[in-house]
Amino acid sequence: MSDESTYLWTKVMAGKTRLGLTKAGQDELGTIKFAHLPSVGDQVTAGKTLISVEAEKAVSDIDSPVSGEVVAVNPQLNNDFDSLNSEEEADAWLVDIKKA
């Protein structure tokens, strides 16, 4: 179990919350090679696993800081996970969640 405040940033947007990987999370995990993400329409629960990642330094489950429905998944993550290793934290977004 991880401390999601270390790994994830949140940004409240119109009617939803965007979640992304922090620089501290990137540094702790190392280069991310694979991530299992929820799909659009999935329900997520705060304190429960949001994503599972396989990275250079660790294999980790990262918990969601919010509950709700996944309304978007970063389309760049369909093909590869380079954006999760980006220097630009805003590029390392994972999902948008609409609170229940």
PDB file of N, CA and C in Angstrom:
ATOM      1  N   MET A   1       0.846  -1.179   0.000  1.00  0.00           N
ATOM      2  CA  MET A   1       0.000   0.000   0.000  1.00  0.00           C
ATOM      3  C   MET A   1       0.887   1.235   0.000  1.00  0.00           C
ATOM      4  N   SER A   2       0.505   2.218  -0.783  1.00  0.00           N
ATOM      5  CA  SER A   2       1.332   3.403  -0.934  1.00  0.00           C
ATOM      6  C   SER A   2       0.679   4.609  -0.267  1.00  0.00           C
ATOM      7  N   ASP A   3       1.475   5.623  -0.099  1.00  0.00           N
ATOM      8  CA  ASP A   3       0.961   6.903   0.388  1.00  0.00           C
ATOM      9  C   ASP A   3       0.622   7.729  -0.842  1.00  0.00           C
ATOM     10  N   GLU A   4      -0.676   7.777  -1.191  1.00  0.00           N
ATOM     11  CA  GLU A   4      -1.068   8.423  -2.442  1.00  0.00           C
ATOM     12  C   GLU A   4      -0.698   9.899  -2.487  1.00  0.00           C
ATOM     13  N   SER A   5      -0.543  10.541  -1.334  1.00  0.00           N
ATOM     14  CA  SER A   5      -0.177  11.961  -1.362  1.00  0.00           C
ATOM     15  C   SER A   5       1.246  12.156  -1.884  1.00  0.00           C
ATOM     16  N   THR A   6       2.076  11.132  -1.790  1.00  0.00           N
ATOM     17  CA  THR A   6       3.427  11.188  -2.342  1.00  0.00           C
ATOM     18  C   THR A   6       3.405  10.960  -3.842  1.00  0.00           C
ATOM     19  N   TYR A   7       2.541  10.069  -4.282  1.00  0.00           N
ATOM     20  CA  TYR A   7       2.548   9.623  -5.664  1.00  0.00           C
ATOM     21  C   TYR A   7       1.645  10.421  -6.599  1.00  0.00           C
ATOM     22  N   LEU A   8       0.525  10.930  -6.093  1.00  0.00           N
ATOM     23  CA  LEU A   8      -0.461  11.551  -6.973  1.00  0.00           C
ATOM     24  C   LEU A   8      -0.706  13.011  -6.663  1.00  0.00           C
ATOM     25  N   TRP A   9      -0.858  13.791  -7.725  1.00  0.00           N
ATOM     26  CA  TRP A   9      -1.358  15.153  -7.582  1.00  0.00           C
ATOM     27  C   TRP A   9      -2.808  15.159  -8.023  1.00  0.00           C
ATOM     28  N   THR A  10      -3.552  16.127  -7.514  1.00  0.00           N
ATOM     29  CA  THR A  10      -4.948  16.284  -7.918  1.00  0.00           C
ATOM     30  C   THR A  10      -5.166  17.712  -8.385  1.00  0.00           C
ATOM     31  N   LYS A  11      -6.020  17.856  -9.362  1.00  0.00           N
ATOM     32  CA  LYS A  11      -6.386  19.173  -9.871  1.00  0.00           C
ATOM     33  C   LYS A  11      -7.889  19.164 -10.099  1.00  0.00           C
ATOM     34  N   VAL A  12      -8.591  19.996  -9.331  1.00  0.00           N
ATOM     35  CA  VAL A  12     -10.037  20.075  -9.477  1.00  0.00           C
ATOM     36  C   VAL A  12     -10.343  20.912 -10.711  1.00  0.00           C
ATOM     37  N   MET A  13     -11.152  20.339 -11.602  1.00  0.00           N
ATOM     38  CA  MET A  13     -11.551  20.994 -12.832  1.00  0.00           C
ATOM     39  C   MET A  13     -13.075  21.045 -12.833  1.00  0.00           C
ATOM     40  N   ALA A  14     -13.687  21.583 -13.841  1.00  0.00           N
ATOM     41  CA  ALA A  14     -15.150  21.707 -13.903  1.00  0.00           C
ATOM     42  C   ALA A  14     -15.826  20.349 -13.737  1.00  0.00           C
ATOM     43  N   GLY A  15     -16.342  20.084 -12.552  1.00  0.00           N
ATOM     44  CA  GLY A  15     -17.107  18.878 -12.313  1.00  0.00           C
ATOM     45  C   GLY A  15     -16.311  17.596 -12.194  1.00  0.00           C
ATOM     46  N   LYS A  16     -14.988  17.686 -12.193  1.00  0.00           N
ATOM     47  CA  LYS A  16     -14.181  16.471 -12.112  1.00  0.00           C
ATOM     48  C   LYS A  16     -12.839  16.785 -11.461  1.00  0.00           C
ATOM     49  N   THR A  17     -12.138  15.733 -11.110  1.00  0.00           N
ATOM     50  CA  THR A  17     -10.803  15.860 -10.526  1.00  0.00           C
ATOM     51  C   THR A  17      -9.833  15.074 -11.393  1.00  0.00           C
ATOM     52  N   ARG A  18      -8.767  15.724 -11.821  1.00  0.00           N
ATOM     53  CA  ARG A  18      -7.718  15.055 -12.600  1.00  0.00           C
ATOM     54  C   ARG A  18      -6.651  14.560 -11.631  1.00  0.00           C
ATOM     55  N   LEU A  19      -6.220  13.323 -11.826  1.00  0.00           N
ATOM     56  CA  LEU A  19      -5.167  12.730 -11.015  1.00  0.00           C
ATOM     57  C   LEU A  19      -3.958  12.455 -11.884  1.00  0.00           C
ATOM     58  N   GLY A  20      -2.783  12.727 -11.335  1.00  0.00           N
ATOM     59  CA  GLY A  20      -1.556  12.471 -12.080  1.00  0.00           C
ATOM     60  C   GLY A  20      -0.422  12.068 -11.162  1.00  0.00           C
ATOM     61  N   LEU A  21       0.632  11.600 -11.760  1.00  0.00           N
ATOM     62  CA  LEU A  21       1.802  11.132 -11.024  1.00  0.00           C
ATOM     63  C   LEU A  21       2.723  12.306 -10.697  1.00  0.00           C
ATOM     64  N   THR A  22       3.091  12.437  -9.431  1.00  0.00           N
ATOM     65  CA  THR A  22       3.972  13.528  -9.006  1.00  0.00           C
ATOM     66  C   THR A  22       5.424  13.245  -9.381  1.00  0.00           C
ATOM     67  N   LYS A  23       6.237  14.284  -9.370  1.00  0.00           N
ATOM     68  CA  LYS A  23       7.678  14.117  -9.593  1.00  0.00           C
ATOM     69  C   LYS A  23       8.273  13.243  -8.495  1.00  0.00           C
ATOM     70  N   ALA A  24       7.817  13.430  -7.256  1.00  0.00           N
ATOM     71  CA  ALA A  24       8.315  12.594  -6.153  1.00  0.00           C
ATOM     72  C   ALA A  24       7.977  11.129  -6.399  1.00  0.00           C
ATOM     73  N   GLY A  25       6.769  10.881  -6.909  1.00  0.00           N
ATOM     74  CA  GLY A  25       6.377   9.514  -7.246  1.00  0.00           C
ATOM     75  C   GLY A  25       7.235   8.943  -8.352  1.00  0.00           C
ATOM     76  N   GLN A  26       7.485   9.772  -9.376  1.00  0.00           N
ATOM     77  CA  GLN A  26       8.345   9.336 -10.482  1.00  0.00           C
ATOM     78  C   GLN A  26       9.731   8.988  -9.963  1.00  0.00           C
ATOM     79  N   ASP A  27      10.268   9.848  -9.097  1.00  0.00           N
ATOM     80  CA  ASP A  27      11.618   9.626  -8.569  1.00  0.00           C
ATOM     81  C   ASP A  27      11.686   8.352  -7.732  1.00  0.00           C
ATOM     82  N   GLU A  28      10.658   8.129  -6.920  1.00  0.00           N
ATOM     83  CA  GLU A  28      10.661   6.960  -6.050  1.00  0.00           C
ATOM     84  C   GLU A  28      10.479   5.666  -6.828  1.00  0.00           C
ATOM     85  N   LEU A  29       9.634   5.688  -7.858  1.00  0.00           N
ATOM     86  CA  LEU A  29       9.353   4.482  -8.637  1.00  0.00           C
ATOM     87  C   LEU A  29      10.422   4.197  -9.683  1.00  0.00           C
ATOM     88  N   GLY A  30      11.027   5.240 -10.219  1.00  0.00           N
ATOM     89  CA  GLY A  30      11.926   5.069 -11.354  1.00  0.00           C
ATOM     90  C   GLY A  30      11.123   5.031 -12.638  1.00  0.00           C
ATOM     91  N   THR A  31      11.771   4.682 -13.728  1.00  0.00           N
ATOM     92  CA  THR A  31      11.110   4.661 -15.030  1.00  0.00           C
ATOM     93  C   THR A  31       9.969   3.655 -15.038  1.00  0.00           C
ATOM     94  N   ILE A  32       8.783   4.130 -15.402  1.00  0.00           N
ATOM     95  CA  ILE A  32       7.610   3.261 -15.434  1.00  0.00           C
ATOM     96  C   ILE A  32       7.576   2.514 -16.762  1.00  0.00           C
ATOM     97  N   LYS A  33       7.472   1.209 -16.654  1.00  0.00           N
ATOM     98  CA  LYS A  33       7.482   0.350 -17.832  1.00  0.00           C
ATOM     99  C   LYS A  33       6.077  -0.112 -18.203  1.00  0.00           C
ATOM    100  N   PHE A  34       5.181  -0.210 -17.207  1.00  0.00           N
ATOM    101  CA  PHE A  34       3.812  -0.662 -17.445  1.00  0.00           C
ATOM    102  C   PHE A  34       2.906  -0.107 -16.355  1.00  0.00           C
ATOM    103  N   ALA A  35       1.678   0.208 -16.719  1.00  0.00           N
ATOM    104  CA  ALA A  35       0.684   0.639 -15.735  1.00  0.00           C
ATOM    105  C   ALA A  35      -0.669   0.051 -16.111  1.00  0.00           C
ATOM    106  N   HIS A  36      -1.346  -0.497 -15.122  1.00  0.00           N
ATOM    107  CA  HIS A  36      -2.709  -0.994 -15.311  1.00  0.00           C
ATOM    108  C   HIS A  36      -3.642   0.072 -14.762  1.00  0.00           C
ATOM    109  N   LEU A  37      -4.408   0.694 -15.661  1.00  0.00           N
ATOM    110  CA  LEU A  37      -5.292   1.805 -15.311  1.00  0.00           C
ATOM    111  C   LEU A  37      -6.743   1.364 -15.364  1.00  0.00           C
ATOM    112  N   PRO A  38      -7.611   2.076 -14.629  1.00  0.00           N
ATOM    113  CA  PRO A  38      -9.036   1.799 -14.774  1.00  0.00           C
ATOM    114  C   PRO A  38      -9.518   2.266 -16.144  1.00  0.00           C
ATOM    115  N   SER A  39     -10.710   1.850 -16.520  1.00  0.00           N
ATOM    116  CA  SER A  39     -11.317   2.252 -17.790  1.00  0.00           C
ATOM    117  C   SER A  39     -12.397   3.289 -17.548  1.00  0.00           C
ATOM    118  N   VAL A  40     -12.739   4.037 -18.601  1.00  0.00           N
ATOM    119  CA  VAL A  40     -13.842   4.979 -18.515  1.00  0.00           C
ATOM    120  C   VAL A  40     -15.095   4.223 -18.089  1.00  0.00           C
ATOM    121  N   GLY A  41     -15.801   4.764 -17.111  1.00  0.00           N
ATOM    122  CA  GLY A  41     -17.003   4.129 -16.583  1.00  0.00           C
ATOM    123  C   GLY A  41     -16.761   3.341 -15.307  1.00  0.00           C
ATOM    124  N   ASP A  42     -15.506   3.022 -15.021  1.00  0.00           N
ATOM    125  CA  ASP A  42     -15.193   2.297 -13.779  1.00  0.00           C
ATOM    126  C   ASP A  42     -15.436   3.199 -12.573  1.00  0.00           C
ATOM    127  N   GLN A  43     -15.853   2.588 -11.475  1.00  0.00           N
ATOM    128  CA  GLN A  43     -15.990   3.294 -10.208  1.00  0.00           C
ATOM    129  C   GLN A  43     -14.697   3.084  -9.414  1.00  0.00           C
ATOM    130  N   VAL A  44     -14.187   4.160  -8.818  1.00  0.00           N
ATOM    131  CA  VAL A  44     -13.015   4.055  -7.959  1.00  0.00           C
ATOM    132  C   VAL A  44     -13.389   4.554  -6.573  1.00  0.00           C
ATOM    133  N   THR A  45     -12.688   4.040  -5.576  1.00  0.00           N
ATOM    134  CA  THR A  45     -12.972   4.379  -4.192  1.00  0.00           C
ATOM    135  C   THR A  45     -11.714   4.913  -3.531  1.00  0.00           C
ATOM    136  N   ALA A  46     -11.852   6.020  -2.813  1.00  0.00           N
ATOM    137  CA  ALA A  46     -10.726   6.593  -2.082  1.00  0.00           C
ATOM    138  C   ALA A  46     -10.152   5.542  -1.139  1.00  0.00           C
ATOM    139  N   GLY A  47      -8.825   5.430  -1.137  1.00  0.00           N
ATOM    140  CA  GLY A  47      -8.151   4.469  -0.278  1.00  0.00           C
ATOM    141  C   GLY A  47      -8.017   3.084  -0.886  1.00  0.00           C
ATOM    142  N   LYS A  48      -8.599   2.869  -2.064  1.00  0.00           N
ATOM    143  CA  LYS A  48      -8.488   1.591  -2.773  1.00  0.00           C
ATOM    144  C   LYS A  48      -7.593   1.781  -3.994  1.00  0.00           C
ATOM    145  N   THR A  49      -7.070   0.694  -4.528  1.00  0.00           N
ATOM    146  CA  THR A  49      -6.130   0.762  -5.645  1.00  0.00           C
ATOM    147  C   THR A  49      -6.738   1.463  -6.862  1.00  0.00           C
ATOM    148  N   LEU A  50      -6.036   2.481  -7.343  1.00  0.00           N
ATOM    149  CA  LEU A  50      -6.408   3.182  -8.574  1.00  0.00           C
ATOM    150  C   LEU A  50      -5.635   2.595  -9.750  1.00  0.00           C
ATOM    151  N   ILE A  51      -4.316   2.507  -9.587  1.00  0.00           N
ATOM    152  CA  ILE A  51      -3.469   1.951 -10.645  1.00  0.00           C
ATOM    153  C   ILE A  51      -2.432   1.011 -10.038  1.00  0.00           C
ATOM    154  N   SER A  52      -1.958   0.096 -10.867  1.00  0.00           N
ATOM    155  CA  SER A  52      -0.829  -0.760 -10.530  1.00  0.00           C
ATOM    156  C   SER A  52       0.260  -0.441 -11.535  1.00  0.00           C
ATOM    157  N   VAL A  53       1.466  -0.199 -11.036  1.00  0.00           N
ATOM    158  CA  VAL A  53       2.566   0.135 -11.938  1.00  0.00           C
ATOM    159  C   VAL A  53       3.735  -0.824 -11.752  1.00  0.00           C
ATOM    160  N   GLU A  54       4.396  -1.090 -12.876  1.00  0.00           N
ATOM    161  CA  GLU A  54       5.666  -1.805 -12.858  1.00  0.00           C
ATOM    162  C   GLU A  54       6.709  -0.798 -13.295  1.00  0.00           C
ATOM    163  N   ALA A  55       7.653  -0.559 -12.408  1.00  0.00           N
ATOM    164  CA  ALA A  55       8.663   0.455 -12.672  1.00  0.00           C
ATOM    165  C   ALA A  55      10.050  -0.106 -12.396  1.00  0.00           C
ATOM    166  N   GLU A  56      11.029   0.715 -12.730  1.00  0.00           N
ATOM    167  CA  GLU A  56      12.431   0.356 -12.590  1.00  0.00           C
ATOM    168  C   GLU A  56      12.782  -0.061 -11.149  1.00  0.00           C
ATOM    169  N   LYS A  57      12.243   0.656 -10.169  1.00  0.00           N
ATOM    170  CA  LYS A  57      12.625   0.427  -8.777  1.00  0.00           C
ATOM    171  C   LYS A  57      11.596  -0.330  -7.962  1.00  0.00           C
ATOM    172  N   ALA A  58      10.347  -0.413  -8.448  1.00  0.00           N
ATOM    173  CA  ALA A  58       9.305  -1.025  -7.625  1.00  0.00           C
ATOM    174  C   ALA A  58       8.102  -1.436  -8.461  1.00  0.00           C
ATOM    175  N   VAL A  59       7.368  -2.392  -7.939  1.00  0.00           N
ATOM    176  CA  VAL A  59       6.040  -2.724  -8.448  1.00  0.00           C
ATOM    177  C   VAL A  59       5.091  -2.273  -7.352  1.00  0.00           C
ATOM    178  N   SER A  60       4.156  -1.380  -7.697  1.00  0.00           N
ATOM    179  CA  SER A  60       3.328  -0.769  -6.665  1.00  0.00           C
ATOM    180  C   SER A  60       1.879  -0.644  -7.087  1.00  0.00           C
ATOM    181  N   ASP A  61       0.999  -0.737  -6.091  1.00  0.00           N
ATOM    182  CA  ASP A  61      -0.387  -0.350  -6.245  1.00  0.00           C
ATOM    183  C   ASP A  61      -0.507   1.046  -5.642  1.00  0.00           C
ATOM    184  N   ILE A  62      -1.118   1.950  -6.375  1.00  0.00           N
ATOM    185  CA  ILE A  62      -1.279   3.320  -5.906  1.00  0.00           C
ATOM    186  C   ILE A  62      -2.765   3.575  -5.687  1.00  0.00           C
ATOM    187  N   ASP A  63      -3.092   4.022  -4.483  1.00  0.00           N
ATOM    188  CA  ASP A  63      -4.485   4.211  -4.100  1.00  0.00           C
ATOM    189  C   ASP A  63      -5.028   5.555  -4.577  1.00  0.00           C
ATOM    190  N   SER A  64      -6.323   5.576  -4.816  1.00  0.00           N
ATOM    191  CA  SER A  64      -7.006   6.797  -5.241  1.00  0.00           C
ATOM    192  C   SER A  64      -7.266   7.702  -4.035  1.00  0.00           C
ATOM    193  N   PRO A  65      -7.046   9.005  -4.201  1.00  0.00           N
ATOM    194  CA  PRO A  65      -7.379   9.937  -3.126  1.00  0.00           C
ATOM    195  C   PRO A  65      -8.847  10.359  -3.140  1.00  0.00           C
ATOM    196  N   VAL A  66      -9.575  10.005  -4.206  1.00  0.00           N
ATOM    197  CA  VAL A  66     -10.980  10.398  -4.331  1.00  0.00           C
ATOM    198  C   VAL A  66     -11.828   9.218  -4.805  1.00  0.00           C
ATOM    199  N   SER A  67     -13.133   9.308  -4.528  1.00  0.00           N
ATOM    200  CA  SER A  67     -14.090   8.310  -5.012  1.00  0.00           C
ATOM    201  C   SER A  67     -14.901   8.909  -6.143  1.00  0.00           C
ATOM    202  N   GLY A  68     -15.320   8.066  -7.085  1.00  0.00           N
ATOM    203  CA  GLY A  68     -16.172   8.526  -8.169  1.00  0.00           C
ATOM    204  C   GLY A  68     -16.052   7.650  -9.388  1.00  0.00           C
ATOM    205  N   GLU A  69     -16.521   8.190 -10.514  1.00  0.00           N
ATOM    206  CA  GLU A  69     -16.518   7.469 -11.782  1.00  0.00           C
ATOM    207  C   GLU A  69     -15.417   8.008 -12.688  1.00  0.00           C
ATOM    208  N   VAL A  70     -14.670   7.090 -13.298  1.00  0.00           N
ATOM    209  CA  VAL A  70     -13.643   7.485 -14.264  1.00  0.00           C
ATOM    210  C   VAL A  70     -14.340   7.995 -15.514  1.00  0.00           C
ATOM    211  N   VAL A  71     -14.088   9.270 -15.873  1.00  0.00           N
ATOM    212  CA  VAL A  71     -14.721   9.847 -17.063  1.00  0.00           C
ATOM    213  C   VAL A  71     -13.720  10.071 -18.196  1.00  0.00           C
ATOM    214  N   ALA A  72     -12.431   9.948 -17.918  1.00  0.00           N
ATOM    215  CA  ALA A  72     -11.403  10.055 -18.967  1.00  0.00           C
ATOM    216  C   ALA A  72     -10.132   9.371 -18.487  1.00  0.00           C
ATOM    217  N   VAL A  73      -9.416   8.783 -19.448  1.00  0.00           N
ATOM    218  CA  VAL A  73      -8.102   8.194 -19.209  1.00  0.00           C
ATOM    219  C   VAL A  73      -7.154   8.853 -20.198  1.00  0.00           C
ATOM    220  N   ASN A  74      -5.964   9.213 -19.755  1.00  0.00           N
ATOM    221  CA  ASN A  74      -4.985   9.857 -20.622  1.00  0.00           C
ATOM    222  C   ASN A  74      -4.763   8.998 -21.872  1.00  0.00           C
ATOM    223  N   PRO A  75      -5.153   9.499 -23.067  1.00  0.00           N
ATOM    224  CA  PRO A  75      -5.047   8.681 -24.283  1.00  0.00           C
ATOM    225  C   PRO A  75      -3.609   8.330 -24.651  1.00  0.00           C
ATOM    226  N   GLN A  76      -2.638   9.115 -24.191  1.00  0.00           N
ATOM    227  CA  GLN A  76      -1.238   8.800 -24.478  1.00  0.00           C
ATOM    228  C   GLN A  76      -0.809   7.487 -23.835  1.00  0.00           C
ATOM    229  N   LEU A  77      -1.541   7.061 -22.797  1.00  0.00           N
ATOM    230  CA  LEU A  77      -1.173   5.836 -22.089  1.00  0.00           C
ATOM    231  C   LEU A  77      -1.687   4.580 -22.779  1.00  0.00           C
ATOM    232  N   ASN A  78      -2.423   4.735 -23.888  1.00  0.00           N
ATOM    233  CA  ASN A  78      -2.882   3.573 -24.656  1.00  0.00           C
ATOM    234  C   ASN A  78      -1.720   2.862 -25.328  1.00  0.00           C
ATOM    235  N   ASN A  79      -0.723   3.632 -25.769  1.00  0.00           N
ATOM    236  CA  ASN A  79       0.366   3.074 -26.570  1.00  0.00           C
ATOM    237  C   ASN A  79       1.659   2.877 -25.798  1.00  0.00           C
ATOM    238  N   ASP A  80       1.957   3.802 -24.901  1.00  0.00           N
ATOM    239  CA  ASP A  80       3.180   3.684 -24.118  1.00  0.00           C
ATOM    240  C   ASP A  80       3.034   4.510 -22.845  1.00  0.00           C
ATOM    241  N   PHE A  81       4.018   4.405 -21.993  1.00  0.00           N
ATOM    242  CA  PHE A  81       3.935   5.047 -20.689  1.00  0.00           C
ATOM    243  C   PHE A  81       4.970   6.158 -20.528  1.00  0.00           C
ATOM    244  N   ASP A  82       5.521   6.639 -21.654  1.00  0.00           N
ATOM    245  CA  ASP A  82       6.544   7.687 -21.595  1.00  0.00           C
ATOM    246  C   ASP A  82       6.054   8.947 -20.890  1.00  0.00           C
ATOM    247  N   SER A  83       4.773   9.287 -21.060  1.00  0.00           N
ATOM    248  CA  SER A  83       4.287  10.517 -20.434  1.00  0.00           C
ATOM    249  C   SER A  83       4.333  10.422 -18.909  1.00  0.00           C
ATOM    250  N   LEU A  84       4.288   9.209 -18.354  1.00  0.00           N
ATOM    251  CA  LEU A  84       4.400   9.056 -16.900  1.00  0.00           C
ATOM    252  C   LEU A  84       5.823   9.284 -16.412  1.00  0.00           C
ATOM    253  N   ASN A  85       6.761   9.317 -17.331  1.00  0.00           N
ATOM    254  CA  ASN A  85       8.157   9.575 -16.993  1.00  0.00           C
ATOM    255  C   ASN A  85       8.582  10.980 -17.421  1.00  0.00           C
ATOM    256  N   SER A  86       7.607  11.801 -17.804  1.00  0.00           N
ATOM    257  CA  SER A  86       7.875  13.134 -18.337  1.00  0.00           C
ATOM    258  C   SER A  86       8.415  14.086 -17.283  1.00  0.00           C
ATOM    259  N   GLU A  87       9.241  15.003 -17.721  1.00  0.00           N
ATOM    260  CA  GLU A  87       9.719  16.073 -16.844  1.00  0.00           C
ATOM    261  C   GLU A  87       8.587  17.027 -16.485  1.00  0.00           C
ATOM    262  N   GLU A  88       7.601  17.132 -17.360  1.00  0.00           N
ATOM    263  CA  GLU A  88       6.442  17.997 -17.120  1.00  0.00           C
ATOM    264  C   GLU A  88       5.388  17.215 -16.344  1.00  0.00           C
ATOM    265  N   GLU A  89       5.198  17.575 -15.082  1.00  0.00           N
ATOM    266  CA  GLU A  89       4.258  16.850 -14.231  1.00  0.00           C
ATOM    267  C   GLU A  89       2.851  16.825 -14.832  1.00  0.00           C
ATOM    268  N   ALA A  90       2.436  17.904 -15.494  1.00  0.00           N
ATOM    269  CA  ALA A  90       1.092  17.979 -16.079  1.00  0.00           C
ATOM    270  C   ALA A  90       0.895  16.922 -17.171  1.00  0.00           C
ATOM    271  N   ASP A  91       1.978  16.489 -17.840  1.00  0.00           N
ATOM    272  CA  ASP A  91       1.872  15.450 -18.868  1.00  0.00           C
ATOM    273  C   ASP A  91       1.623  14.073 -18.261  1.00  0.00           C
ATOM    274  N   ALA A  92       1.945  13.918 -16.974  1.00  0.00           N
ATOM    275  CA  ALA A  92       1.864  12.618 -16.304  1.00  0.00           C
ATOM    276  C   ALA A  92       0.488  12.405 -15.672  1.00  0.00           C
ATOM    277  N   TRP A  93      -0.558  12.957 -16.323  1.00  0.00           N
ATOM    278  CA  TRP A  93      -1.898  12.734 -15.771  1.00  0.00           C
ATOM    279  C   TRP A  93      -2.376  11.347 -16.134  1.00  0.00           C
ATOM    280  N   LEU A  94      -3.210  10.798 -15.251  1.00  0.00           N
ATOM    281  CA  LEU A  94      -3.684   9.435 -15.405  1.00  0.00           C
ATOM    282  C   LEU A  94      -5.148   9.388 -15.823  1.00  0.00           C
ATOM    283  N   VAL A  95      -6.004   9.902 -14.948  1.00  0.00           N
ATOM    284  CA  VAL A  95      -7.445   9.806 -15.157  1.00  0.00           C
ATOM    285  C   VAL A  95      -8.141  11.058 -14.652  1.00  0.00           C
ATOM    286  N   ASP A  96      -9.365  11.269 -15.159  1.00  0.00           N
ATOM    287  CA  ASP A  96     -10.285  12.271 -14.631  1.00  0.00           C
ATOM    288  C   ASP A  96     -11.410  11.524 -13.943  1.00  0.00           C
ATOM    289  N   ILE A  97     -11.754  11.957 -12.735  1.00  0.00           N
ATOM    290  CA  ILE A  97     -12.792  11.291 -11.958  1.00  0.00           C
ATOM    291  C   ILE A  97     -13.881  12.297 -11.619  1.00  0.00           C
ATOM    292  N   LYS A  98     -15.114  11.889 -11.903  1.00  0.00           N
ATOM    293  CA  LYS A  98     -16.286  12.688 -11.532  1.00  0.00           C
ATOM    294  C   LYS A  98     -16.772  12.153 -10.206  1.00  0.00           C
ATOM    295  N   LYS A  99     -16.775  13.019  -9.206  1.00  0.00           N
ATOM    296  CA  LYS A  99     -17.179  12.569  -7.871  1.00  0.00           C
ATOM    297  C   LYS A  99     -18.611  12.102  -7.860  1.00  0.00           C
ATOM    298  N   ALA A 100     -18.836  11.033  -7.103  1.00  0.00           N
ATOM    299  CA  ALA A 100     -20.167  10.418  -7.022  1.00  0.00           C
ATOM    300  C   ALA A 100     -21.138  11.323  -6.267  1.00  0.00           C
TER     301      ALA A 100
END
